Amino acid sequence: MAVPPVRPIAERRVVQHFLDAGAISMADAIAYDPGLPSRQRAFARLKGADVLRTDGQGRWYLDEERWGSRRSDRRTRVVLTMLAVAAAGAFAALR
């Protein structure tokens, strides 16, 4: 049974909150208090990756460039993993 990718979904929802609020620069920073545990963890991961940055007063804003880079890196890892699994499957089938 397939399990949905909870981490990326929670991260996208946190980021969408900042995009919807227009918090994409220090001047537009907002206070954020994640309610769900999955979003609290996503918020902590995004802060640790400097995707979400603080204005020094407890408000946060989205660094769109870092978010784009993080998503690109994640896609690259997924594609490489899929290629490795496909190669292993082909090798096993042809053996």
C-alpha atoms as a PDB file:
ATOM      1  CA  MET A   1       0.000   0.000   0.000  1.00  0.00           C
ATOM      2  CA  ALA A   2       1.410   3.387  -0.986  1.00  0.00           C
ATOM      3  CA  VAL A   3       2.062   5.972   1.693  1.00  0.00           C
ATOM      4  CA  PRO A   4       1.723   9.647   0.781  1.00  0.00           C
ATOM      5  CA  PRO A   5       4.931  11.717   1.060  1.00  0.00           C
ATOM      6  CA  VAL A   6       3.984  13.538   4.259  1.00  0.00           C
ATOM      7  CA  ARG A   7       7.165  15.626   4.616  1.00  0.00           C
ATOM      8  CA  PRO A   8       7.052  17.331   1.213  1.00  0.00           C
ATOM      9  CA  ILE A   9       3.292  17.862   1.486  1.00  0.00           C
ATOM     10  CA  ALA A  10       3.619  19.534   4.888  1.00  0.00           C
ATOM     11  CA  GLU A  11       6.496  21.686   3.631  1.00  0.00           C
ATOM     12  CA  ARG A  12       4.488  22.792   0.580  1.00  0.00           C
ATOM     13  CA  ARG A  13       1.531  23.725   2.791  1.00  0.00           C
ATOM     14  CA  VAL A  14       3.738  25.799   5.103  1.00  0.00           C
ATOM     15  CA  VAL A  15       5.333  27.538   2.116  1.00  0.00           C
ATOM     16  CA  GLN A  16       1.909  28.122   0.541  1.00  0.00           C
ATOM     17  CA  HIS A  17       0.841  29.900   3.738  1.00  0.00           C
ATOM     18  CA  PHE A  18       3.742  32.327   3.354  1.00  0.00           C
ATOM     19  CA  LEU A  19       3.052  32.809  -0.365  1.00  0.00           C
ATOM     20  CA  ASP A  20      -0.643  33.446   0.271  1.00  0.00           C
ATOM     21  CA  ALA A  21       0.285  36.029   2.926  1.00  0.00           C
ATOM     22  CA  GLY A  22       2.795  37.655   0.556  1.00  0.00           C
ATOM     23  CA  ALA A  23       5.631  37.115   3.038  1.00  0.00           C
ATOM     24  CA  ILE A  24       8.502  36.910   0.568  1.00  0.00           C
ATOM     25  CA  SER A  25      10.728  39.683   1.891  1.00  0.00           C
ATOM     26  CA  MET A  26      11.884  40.916   5.269  1.00  0.00           C
ATOM     27  CA  ALA A  27       9.507  43.890   5.023  1.00  0.00           C
ATOM     28  CA  ASP A  28       6.557  41.523   4.538  1.00  0.00           C
ATOM     29  CA  ALA A  29       7.496  39.033   7.275  1.00  0.00           C
ATOM     30  CA  ILE A  30       4.646  37.497   9.267  1.00  0.00           C
ATOM     31  CA  ALA A  31       4.253  35.683  12.569  1.00  0.00           C
ATOM     32  CA  TYR A  32       3.662  31.978  12.097  1.00  0.00           C
ATOM     33  CA  ASP A  33       2.436  29.441  14.612  1.00  0.00           C
ATOM     34  CA  PRO A  34       1.975  26.011  13.030  1.00  0.00           C
ATOM     35  CA  GLY A  35      -0.920  24.149  14.581  1.00  0.00           C
ATOM     36  CA  LEU A  36      -0.372  20.595  13.381  1.00  0.00           C
ATOM     37  CA  PRO A  37       2.645  18.539  14.478  1.00  0.00           C
ATOM     38  CA  SER A  38       3.525  17.732  10.856  1.00  0.00           C
ATOM     39  CA  ARG A  39       3.589  21.437  10.029  1.00  0.00           C
ATOM     40  CA  GLN A  40       5.630  22.200  13.156  1.00  0.00           C
ATOM     41  CA  ARG A  41       8.264  19.725  11.942  1.00  0.00           C
ATOM     42  CA  ALA A  42       8.082  21.110   8.398  1.00  0.00           C
ATOM     43  CA  PHE A  43       8.482  24.653   9.752  1.00  0.00           C
ATOM     44  CA  ALA A  44      11.546  23.565  11.747  1.00  0.00           C
ATOM     45  CA  ARG A  45      13.074  21.839   8.676  1.00  0.00           C
ATOM     46  CA  LEU A  46      12.467  24.878   6.490  1.00  0.00           C
ATOM     47  CA  LYS A  47      13.982  27.202   9.091  1.00  0.00           C
ATOM     48  CA  GLY A  48      17.013  24.916   9.364  1.00  0.00           C
ATOM     49  CA  ALA A  49      17.453  24.964   5.582  1.00  0.00           C
ATOM     50  CA  ASP A  50      17.186  28.796   5.557  1.00  0.00           C
ATOM     51  CA  VAL A  51      14.132  28.572   3.325  1.00  0.00           C
ATOM     52  CA  LEU A  52      12.237  30.475   6.011  1.00  0.00           C
ATOM     53  CA  ARG A  53      14.137  33.412   7.430  1.00  0.00           C
ATOM     54  CA  THR A  54      13.470  35.646  10.392  1.00  0.00           C
ATOM     55  CA  ASP A  55      13.383  39.408  10.568  1.00  0.00           C
ATOM     56  CA  GLY A  56      14.824  39.221  14.083  1.00  0.00           C
ATOM     57  CA  GLN A  57      11.519  40.058  15.738  1.00  0.00           C
ATOM     58  CA  GLY A  58       9.817  36.665  15.677  1.00  0.00           C
ATOM     59  CA  ARG A  59       8.355  37.100  12.213  1.00  0.00           C
ATOM     60  CA  TRP A  60       9.246  34.966   9.210  1.00  0.00           C
ATOM     61  CA  TYR A  61       9.427  35.259   5.447  1.00  0.00           C
ATOM     62  CA  LEU A  62      10.049  32.887   2.564  1.00  0.00           C
ATOM     63  CA  ASP A  63      13.336  32.936   0.641  1.00  0.00           C
ATOM     64  CA  GLU A  64      11.934  31.960  -2.761  1.00  0.00           C
ATOM     65  CA  GLU A  65      15.348  31.280  -4.283  1.00  0.00           C
ATOM     66  CA  ARG A  66      16.248  28.749  -1.584  1.00  0.00           C
ATOM     67  CA  TRP A  67      12.794  27.165  -1.839  1.00  0.00           C
ATOM     68  CA  GLY A  68      13.232  26.707  -5.572  1.00  0.00           C
ATOM     69  CA  SER A  69      16.662  25.200  -5.034  1.00  0.00           C
ATOM     70  CA  ARG A  70      15.362  22.832  -2.369  1.00  0.00           C
ATOM     71  CA  ARG A  71      12.555  21.626  -4.640  1.00  0.00           C
ATOM     72  CA  SER A  72      14.950  21.166  -7.541  1.00  0.00           C
ATOM     73  CA  ASP A  73      17.352  19.142  -5.386  1.00  0.00           C
ATOM     74  CA  ARG A  74      14.492  16.953  -4.173  1.00  0.00           C
ATOM     75  CA  ARG A  75      13.292  16.302  -7.731  1.00  0.00           C
ATOM     76  CA  THR A  76      16.822  15.366  -8.804  1.00  0.00           C
ATOM     77  CA  ARG A  77      17.124  12.845  -5.972  1.00  0.00           C
ATOM     78  CA  VAL A  78      13.756  11.306  -6.839  1.00  0.00           C
ATOM     79  CA  VAL A  79      14.642  10.950 -10.526  1.00  0.00           C
ATOM     80  CA  LEU A  80      18.038   9.420  -9.742  1.00  0.00           C
ATOM     81  CA  THR A  81      16.443   6.966  -7.311  1.00  0.00           C
ATOM     82  CA  MET A  82      13.854   5.971  -9.898  1.00  0.00           C
ATOM     83  CA  LEU A  83      16.581   5.434 -12.496  1.00  0.00           C
ATOM     84  CA  ALA A  84      18.583   3.277 -10.075  1.00  0.00           C
ATOM     85  CA  VAL A  85      15.527   1.142  -9.279  1.00  0.00           C
ATOM     86  CA  ALA A  86      14.712   0.784 -12.979  1.00  0.00           C
ATOM     87  CA  ALA A  87      18.316  -0.244 -13.740  1.00  0.00           C
ATOM     88  CA  ALA A  88      18.269  -2.791 -10.928  1.00  0.00           C
ATOM     89  CA  GLY A  89      14.941  -4.149 -12.200  1.00  0.00           C
ATOM     90  CA  ALA A  90      16.248  -4.428 -15.756  1.00  0.00           C
ATOM     91  CA  PHE A  91      19.386  -6.143 -14.547  1.00  0.00           C
ATOM     92  CA  ALA A  92      17.344  -8.646 -12.521  1.00  0.00           C
ATOM     93  CA  ALA A  93      14.986  -9.288 -15.436  1.00  0.00           C
ATOM     94  CA  LEU A  94      17.783  -9.899 -17.920  1.00  0.00           C
ATOM     95  CA  ARG A  95      19.793 -12.107 -15.633  1.00  0.00           C
END
